[in-house]
Amino acid sequence: MTEDFDDELQVDVLANALRMGKAEAGDLMESLSTRLQMILPDSTSIERAGWFLSSNRPVRLLTVKFDECNLQLEREKSGSITPRLMKVVRGVVLKTTPINLDDWMKTLAAELNKSAQHNSNTLAALKKFVLG
């Protein structure tokens, strides 16, 4: 039971750290894409909007791939953000479900926690991210 509580606490701390990044950077997608690319460079893909020579190329699509699911944030033309959860089996996306942003953040934190338990490099990057 203590181990489950510790895991839940770690997920909550990580989710709160991800939310703090929103306030610091002023733009959720820019902040998350930078941080996630630092933590999981091989699992994070970023597509930018705008003309390739433009000085302002905001993140249009952020996708983070995990073993059992992919998480995606898409900035619509209207400026709204659409979070999606994709169920993955053997590398194939079987189902894509729109979810709310809080659930997306919690799922991201839980998946990062799982990934950190299996990969020491991810654990080190997460500790640096959360502790500063």
N, C-alpha and C. Protein backbone atom coordinates (compact mmCIF):
# COMPACT_ATOMS: atom_id res chain seq x y z
N MET A 1 0.82 -1.19 0.00
CA MET A 1 0.00 0.00 0.00
C MET A 1 0.86 1.25 0.00
N THR A 2 1.96 1.25 0.76
CA THR A 2 2.85 2.41 0.81
C THR A 2 3.46 2.67 -0.55
N GLU A 3 3.80 1.60 -1.27
CA GLU A 3 4.38 1.76 -2.60
C GLU A 3 3.38 2.42 -3.56
N ASP A 4 2.11 2.01 -3.51
CA ASP A 4 1.08 2.61 -4.35
C ASP A 4 0.91 4.09 -4.02
N PHE A 5 0.94 4.42 -2.72
CA PHE A 5 0.81 5.81 -2.30
C PHE A 5 1.99 6.63 -2.83
N ASP A 6 3.21 6.08 -2.75
CA ASP A 6 4.39 6.78 -3.26
C ASP A 6 4.28 7.02 -4.76
N ASP A 7 3.81 6.02 -5.50
CA ASP A 7 3.64 6.18 -6.94
C ASP A 7 2.60 7.25 -7.25
N GLU A 8 1.48 7.25 -6.50
CA GLU A 8 0.45 8.25 -6.72
C GLU A 8 0.98 9.65 -6.40
N LEU A 9 1.78 9.77 -5.34
CA LEU A 9 2.36 11.04 -4.96
C LEU A 9 3.31 11.53 -6.05
N GLN A 10 4.13 10.63 -6.58
CA GLN A 10 5.05 11.01 -7.66
C GLN A 10 4.30 11.49 -8.88
N VAL A 11 3.21 10.82 -9.22
CA VAL A 11 2.40 11.23 -10.38
C VAL A 11 1.81 12.61 -10.14
N ASP A 12 1.30 12.86 -8.92
CA ASP A 12 0.74 14.18 -8.60
C ASP A 12 1.78 15.27 -8.66
N VAL A 13 2.98 15.00 -8.13
CA VAL A 13 4.05 15.99 -8.16
C VAL A 13 4.44 16.31 -9.60
N LEU A 14 4.55 15.28 -10.43
CA LEU A 14 4.91 15.48 -11.83
C LEU A 14 3.82 16.24 -12.57
N ALA A 15 2.57 15.90 -12.33
CA ALA A 15 1.46 16.61 -12.98
C ALA A 15 1.46 18.08 -12.59
N ASN A 16 1.70 18.38 -11.33
CA ASN A 16 1.77 19.77 -10.89
C ASN A 16 2.95 20.50 -11.51
N ALA A 17 4.07 19.82 -11.66
CA ALA A 17 5.24 20.44 -12.29
C ALA A 17 4.94 20.76 -13.76
N LEU A 18 4.21 19.88 -14.44
CA LEU A 18 3.83 20.13 -15.82
C LEU A 18 2.90 21.34 -15.91
N ARG A 19 1.98 21.47 -14.95
CA ARG A 19 1.07 22.61 -14.95
C ARG A 19 1.82 23.91 -14.66
N MET A 20 2.84 23.86 -13.79
CA MET A 20 3.62 25.06 -13.49
C MET A 20 4.31 25.57 -14.75
N GLY A 21 4.71 24.65 -15.62
CA GLY A 21 5.35 25.06 -16.86
C GLY A 21 4.44 25.91 -17.71
N LYS A 22 3.14 25.67 -17.64
CA LYS A 22 2.17 26.46 -18.40
C LYS A 22 2.22 27.92 -17.96
N ALA A 23 2.24 28.16 -16.66
CA ALA A 23 2.26 29.52 -16.15
C ALA A 23 3.59 30.21 -16.46
N GLU A 24 4.70 29.47 -16.36
CA GLU A 24 6.01 30.05 -16.60
C GLU A 24 6.20 30.46 -18.06
N ALA A 25 5.86 29.58 -18.97
CA ALA A 25 6.13 29.83 -20.38
C ALA A 25 5.04 30.64 -21.06
N GLY A 26 3.86 30.63 -20.50
CA GLY A 26 2.77 31.37 -21.10
C GLY A 26 2.10 30.61 -22.23
N ASP A 27 2.72 29.58 -22.73
CA ASP A 27 2.11 28.79 -23.80
C ASP A 27 2.34 27.32 -23.51
N LEU A 28 1.29 26.60 -23.22
CA LEU A 28 1.36 25.21 -22.83
C LEU A 28 2.08 24.34 -23.85
N MET A 29 1.74 24.45 -25.09
CA MET A 29 2.33 23.56 -26.10
C MET A 29 3.82 23.82 -26.30
N GLU A 30 4.23 25.07 -26.30
CA GLU A 30 5.66 25.38 -26.45
C GLU A 30 6.44 24.84 -25.26
N SER A 31 5.92 25.07 -24.07
CA SER A 31 6.59 24.62 -22.86
C SER A 31 6.68 23.10 -22.80
N LEU A 32 5.56 22.43 -23.03
CA LEU A 32 5.55 20.97 -22.97
C LEU A 32 6.43 20.36 -24.06
N SER A 33 6.38 20.89 -25.25
CA SER A 33 7.18 20.31 -26.33
C SER A 33 8.67 20.41 -26.02
N THR A 34 9.09 21.54 -25.48
CA THR A 34 10.50 21.72 -25.12
C THR A 34 10.90 20.74 -24.03
N ARG A 35 10.08 20.66 -22.99
CA ARG A 35 10.41 19.80 -21.86
C ARG A 35 10.34 18.32 -22.22
N LEU A 36 9.32 17.92 -22.96
CA LEU A 36 9.19 16.51 -23.32
C LEU A 36 10.26 16.08 -24.29
N GLN A 37 10.66 16.95 -25.18
CA GLN A 37 11.73 16.60 -26.10
C GLN A 37 13.06 16.42 -25.35
N MET A 38 13.22 17.16 -24.26
CA MET A 38 14.42 17.02 -23.43
C MET A 38 14.37 15.69 -22.66
N ILE A 39 13.20 15.32 -22.14
CA ILE A 39 13.06 14.11 -21.33
C ILE A 39 13.03 12.85 -22.19
N LEU A 40 12.22 12.88 -23.26
CA LEU A 40 12.02 11.71 -24.13
C LEU A 40 12.25 12.08 -25.60
N PRO A 41 13.50 12.33 -25.99
CA PRO A 41 13.73 12.79 -27.36
C PRO A 41 13.31 11.79 -28.44
N ASP A 42 13.42 10.49 -28.16
CA ASP A 42 13.07 9.49 -29.17
C ASP A 42 11.56 9.24 -29.26
N SER A 43 10.82 9.63 -28.23
CA SER A 43 9.38 9.36 -28.18
C SER A 43 8.52 10.58 -28.44
N THR A 44 9.14 11.73 -28.62
CA THR A 44 8.40 12.98 -28.80
C THR A 44 8.55 13.48 -30.22
N SER A 45 7.41 13.77 -30.87
CA SER A 45 7.47 14.38 -32.20
C SER A 45 6.69 15.69 -32.17
N ILE A 46 7.24 16.67 -32.87
CA ILE A 46 6.67 18.02 -32.88
C ILE A 46 6.51 18.48 -34.32
N GLU A 47 5.32 18.97 -34.63
CA GLU A 47 5.09 19.61 -35.93
C GLU A 47 4.79 21.07 -35.66
N ARG A 48 5.41 21.94 -36.44
CA ARG A 48 5.22 23.38 -36.26
C ARG A 48 4.39 23.95 -37.39
N ALA A 49 3.63 24.98 -37.07
CA ALA A 49 2.81 25.68 -38.06
C ALA A 49 3.61 26.83 -38.65
N GLY A 50 3.08 27.43 -39.67
CA GLY A 50 3.72 28.61 -40.26
C GLY A 50 4.67 28.25 -41.39
N TRP A 51 5.13 29.29 -42.03
CA TRP A 51 6.05 29.16 -43.15
C TRP A 51 7.43 28.80 -42.63
N PHE A 52 8.20 27.97 -43.32
CA PHE A 52 9.46 27.46 -42.79
C PHE A 52 10.50 28.54 -42.55
N LEU A 53 10.44 29.70 -43.19
CA LEU A 53 11.39 30.78 -42.94
C LEU A 53 10.84 31.83 -41.97
N SER A 54 9.63 31.60 -41.49
CA SER A 54 9.00 32.55 -40.57
C SER A 54 9.70 32.53 -39.22
N SER A 55 9.77 33.68 -38.57
CA SER A 55 10.39 33.75 -37.24
C SER A 55 9.46 33.20 -36.16
N ASN A 56 8.16 33.16 -36.44
CA ASN A 56 7.20 32.66 -35.48
C ASN A 56 6.58 31.37 -36.00
N ARG A 57 7.05 30.24 -35.48
CA ARG A 57 6.52 28.94 -35.90
C ARG A 57 6.04 28.18 -34.67
N PRO A 58 4.80 28.45 -34.23
CA PRO A 58 4.29 27.79 -33.02
C PRO A 58 4.07 26.29 -33.24
N VAL A 59 4.10 25.56 -32.14
CA VAL A 59 3.83 24.12 -32.19
C VAL A 59 2.38 23.91 -32.59
N ARG A 60 2.17 23.10 -33.63
CA ARG A 60 0.82 22.79 -34.09
C ARG A 60 0.37 21.42 -33.57
N LEU A 61 1.31 20.48 -33.50
CA LEU A 61 0.99 19.12 -33.11
C LEU A 61 2.13 18.54 -32.27
N LEU A 62 1.80 18.07 -31.08
CA LEU A 62 2.76 17.44 -30.18
C LEU A 62 2.28 16.02 -29.92
N THR A 63 3.13 15.04 -30.20
CA THR A 63 2.78 13.63 -29.99
C THR A 63 3.86 12.99 -29.13
N VAL A 64 3.44 12.31 -28.08
CA VAL A 64 4.36 11.58 -27.20
C VAL A 64 3.96 10.11 -27.26
N LYS A 65 4.91 9.25 -27.64
CA LYS A 65 4.62 7.83 -27.83
C LYS A 65 5.14 7.03 -26.64
N PHE A 66 4.24 6.20 -26.10
CA PHE A 66 4.57 5.26 -25.04
C PHE A 66 4.24 3.87 -25.53
N ASP A 67 4.52 2.85 -24.71
CA ASP A 67 4.29 1.47 -25.13
C ASP A 67 2.81 1.17 -25.41
N GLU A 68 1.93 1.57 -24.51
CA GLU A 68 0.52 1.20 -24.61
C GLU A 68 -0.39 2.31 -25.12
N CYS A 69 0.14 3.54 -25.19
CA CYS A 69 -0.69 4.65 -25.67
C CYS A 69 0.19 5.76 -26.25
N ASN A 70 -0.42 6.58 -27.06
CA ASN A 70 0.19 7.81 -27.53
C ASN A 70 -0.67 8.96 -27.02
N LEU A 71 -0.03 10.05 -26.67
CA LEU A 71 -0.74 11.25 -26.24
C LEU A 71 -0.47 12.34 -27.25
N GLN A 72 -1.51 13.06 -27.63
CA GLN A 72 -1.36 14.08 -28.67
C GLN A 72 -2.08 15.36 -28.26
N LEU A 73 -1.42 16.49 -28.51
CA LEU A 73 -2.04 17.80 -28.36
C LEU A 73 -1.99 18.47 -29.72
N GLU A 74 -3.13 18.96 -30.17
CA GLU A 74 -3.17 19.65 -31.46
C GLU A 74 -3.76 21.04 -31.28
N ARG A 75 -3.04 22.03 -31.80
CA ARG A 75 -3.55 23.41 -31.79
C ARG A 75 -4.37 23.59 -33.06
N GLU A 76 -5.66 23.85 -32.88
CA GLU A 76 -6.55 24.06 -34.01
C GLU A 76 -6.31 25.45 -34.61
N LYS A 77 -6.82 25.70 -35.81
CA LYS A 77 -6.67 27.02 -36.45
C LYS A 77 -7.29 28.13 -35.61
N SER A 78 -8.31 27.79 -34.83
CA SER A 78 -8.96 28.78 -33.98
C SER A 78 -8.13 29.12 -32.75
N GLY A 79 -7.07 28.33 -32.50
CA GLY A 79 -6.20 28.57 -31.34
C GLY A 79 -6.50 27.65 -30.17
N SER A 80 -7.61 26.93 -30.23
CA SER A 80 -7.93 26.01 -29.13
C SER A 80 -7.03 24.77 -29.21
N ILE A 81 -6.87 24.10 -28.07
CA ILE A 81 -6.02 22.92 -28.00
C ILE A 81 -6.91 21.69 -27.83
N THR A 82 -6.67 20.67 -28.66
CA THR A 82 -7.43 19.43 -28.60
C THR A 82 -6.51 18.31 -28.12
N PRO A 83 -6.73 17.80 -26.89
CA PRO A 83 -5.94 16.66 -26.40
C PRO A 83 -6.57 15.34 -26.83
N ARG A 84 -5.72 14.38 -27.19
CA ARG A 84 -6.21 13.06 -27.61
C ARG A 84 -5.39 11.96 -26.95
N LEU A 85 -6.06 10.85 -26.67
CA LEU A 85 -5.43 9.64 -26.16
C LEU A 85 -5.60 8.56 -27.21
N MET A 86 -4.50 7.92 -27.60
CA MET A 86 -4.55 6.88 -28.62
C MET A 86 -4.14 5.54 -28.01
N LYS A 87 -5.00 4.56 -28.13
CA LYS A 87 -4.71 3.22 -27.64
C LYS A 87 -3.85 2.51 -28.66
N VAL A 88 -2.69 1.99 -28.22
CA VAL A 88 -1.73 1.34 -29.12
C VAL A 88 -1.54 -0.11 -28.70
N VAL A 89 -1.62 -1.00 -29.68
CA VAL A 89 -1.34 -2.42 -29.47
C VAL A 89 -0.35 -2.86 -30.54
N ARG A 90 0.81 -3.35 -30.12
CA ARG A 90 1.87 -3.81 -31.03
C ARG A 90 2.24 -2.76 -32.07
N GLY A 91 2.28 -1.51 -31.65
CA GLY A 91 2.70 -0.43 -32.51
C GLY A 91 1.63 0.12 -33.44
N VAL A 92 0.40 -0.38 -33.33
CA VAL A 92 -0.69 0.07 -34.18
C VAL A 92 -1.73 0.81 -33.33
N VAL A 93 -2.10 2.01 -33.78
CA VAL A 93 -3.12 2.78 -33.07
C VAL A 93 -4.49 2.19 -33.40
N LEU A 94 -5.17 1.68 -32.35
CA LEU A 94 -6.48 1.06 -32.55
C LEU A 94 -7.63 2.02 -32.33
N LYS A 95 -7.44 2.98 -31.42
CA LYS A 95 -8.54 3.86 -31.07
C LYS A 95 -7.99 5.22 -30.65
N THR A 96 -8.61 6.29 -31.15
CA THR A 96 -8.25 7.65 -30.76
C THR A 96 -9.45 8.29 -30.08
N THR A 97 -9.22 8.80 -28.86
CA THR A 97 -10.29 9.37 -28.07
C THR A 97 -9.94 10.78 -27.64
N PRO A 98 -10.78 11.76 -27.92
CA PRO A 98 -10.55 13.10 -27.37
C PRO A 98 -10.81 13.07 -25.86
N ILE A 99 -9.93 13.70 -25.09
CA ILE A 99 -10.09 13.76 -23.63
C ILE A 99 -9.87 15.21 -23.19
N ASN A 100 -10.20 15.51 -21.93
CA ASN A 100 -9.97 16.88 -21.46
C ASN A 100 -8.50 17.04 -21.06
N LEU A 101 -8.06 18.28 -20.96
CA LEU A 101 -6.65 18.57 -20.74
C LEU A 101 -6.15 18.06 -19.40
N ASP A 102 -6.96 18.13 -18.35
CA ASP A 102 -6.52 17.62 -17.04
C ASP A 102 -6.27 16.12 -17.09
N ASP A 103 -7.16 15.36 -17.74
CA ASP A 103 -6.96 13.92 -17.88
C ASP A 103 -5.72 13.62 -18.73
N TRP A 104 -5.50 14.43 -19.75
CA TRP A 104 -4.31 14.28 -20.61
C TRP A 104 -3.04 14.45 -19.77
N MET A 105 -3.02 15.49 -18.92
CA MET A 105 -1.85 15.76 -18.08
C MET A 105 -1.62 14.63 -17.08
N LYS A 106 -2.70 14.13 -16.48
CA LYS A 106 -2.57 13.03 -15.52
C LYS A 106 -2.06 11.77 -16.20
N THR A 107 -2.57 11.49 -17.39
CA THR A 107 -2.12 10.32 -18.14
C THR A 107 -0.65 10.48 -18.53
N LEU A 108 -0.27 11.67 -18.96
CA LEU A 108 1.13 11.94 -19.30
C LEU A 108 2.03 11.71 -18.09
N ALA A 109 1.64 12.25 -16.94
CA ALA A 109 2.44 12.08 -15.72
C ALA A 109 2.56 10.61 -15.34
N ALA A 110 1.47 9.86 -15.44
CA ALA A 110 1.49 8.44 -15.10
C ALA A 110 2.39 7.66 -16.07
N GLU A 111 2.30 7.96 -17.35
CA GLU A 111 3.13 7.26 -18.34
C GLU A 111 4.61 7.63 -18.17
N LEU A 112 4.90 8.89 -17.86
CA LEU A 112 6.29 9.29 -17.60
C LEU A 112 6.83 8.57 -16.37
N ASN A 113 6.00 8.42 -15.36
CA ASN A 113 6.40 7.71 -14.15
C ASN A 113 6.70 6.24 -14.47
N LYS A 114 5.84 5.61 -15.27
CA LYS A 114 6.07 4.21 -15.67
C LYS A 114 7.37 4.09 -16.47
N SER A 115 7.57 5.02 -17.38
CA SER A 115 8.77 5.00 -18.22
C SER A 115 10.02 5.19 -17.37
N ALA A 116 9.95 6.05 -16.36
CA ALA A 116 11.10 6.31 -15.50
C ALA A 116 11.46 5.09 -14.66
N GLN A 117 10.48 4.26 -14.33
CA GLN A 117 10.75 3.06 -13.54
C GLN A 117 11.55 2.03 -14.33
N HIS A 118 11.46 2.09 -15.67
CA HIS A 118 12.15 1.12 -16.51
C HIS A 118 13.41 1.67 -17.17
N ASN A 119 13.61 3.00 -17.12
CA ASN A 119 14.72 3.61 -17.83
C ASN A 119 15.42 4.63 -16.93
N SER A 120 16.68 4.38 -16.62
CA SER A 120 17.41 5.26 -15.69
C SER A 120 17.66 6.64 -16.30
N ASN A 121 17.83 6.73 -17.61
CA ASN A 121 18.03 8.04 -18.25
C ASN A 121 16.77 8.90 -18.13
N THR A 122 15.61 8.29 -18.31
CA THR A 122 14.35 9.01 -18.17
C THR A 122 14.16 9.45 -16.72
N LEU A 123 14.51 8.58 -15.78
CA LEU A 123 14.39 8.92 -14.37
C LEU A 123 15.27 10.12 -14.02
N ALA A 124 16.50 10.12 -14.50
CA ALA A 124 17.41 11.25 -14.25
C ALA A 124 16.88 12.53 -14.85
N ALA A 125 16.37 12.47 -16.07
CA ALA A 125 15.82 13.66 -16.72
C ALA A 125 14.59 14.18 -15.99
N LEU A 126 13.73 13.27 -15.51
CA LEU A 126 12.54 13.67 -14.76
C LEU A 126 12.92 14.33 -13.43
N LYS A 127 13.91 13.77 -12.75
CA LYS A 127 14.36 14.37 -11.49
C LYS A 127 14.89 15.78 -11.73
N LYS A 128 15.65 15.94 -12.80
CA LYS A 128 16.16 17.27 -13.14
C LYS A 128 15.02 18.21 -13.47
N PHE A 129 14.02 17.71 -14.18
CA PHE A 129 12.85 18.52 -14.57
C PHE A 129 12.05 18.96 -13.36
N VAL A 130 11.77 18.03 -12.43
CA VAL A 130 10.93 18.34 -11.28
C VAL A 130 11.68 19.14 -10.22
N LEU A 131 12.93 18.76 -9.96
CA LEU A 131 13.70 19.43 -8.91
C LEU A 131 14.43 20.67 -9.36
N GLY A 132 14.58 20.82 -10.65
CA GLY A 132 15.22 22.02 -11.19
C GLY A 132 16.67 21.88 -11.50
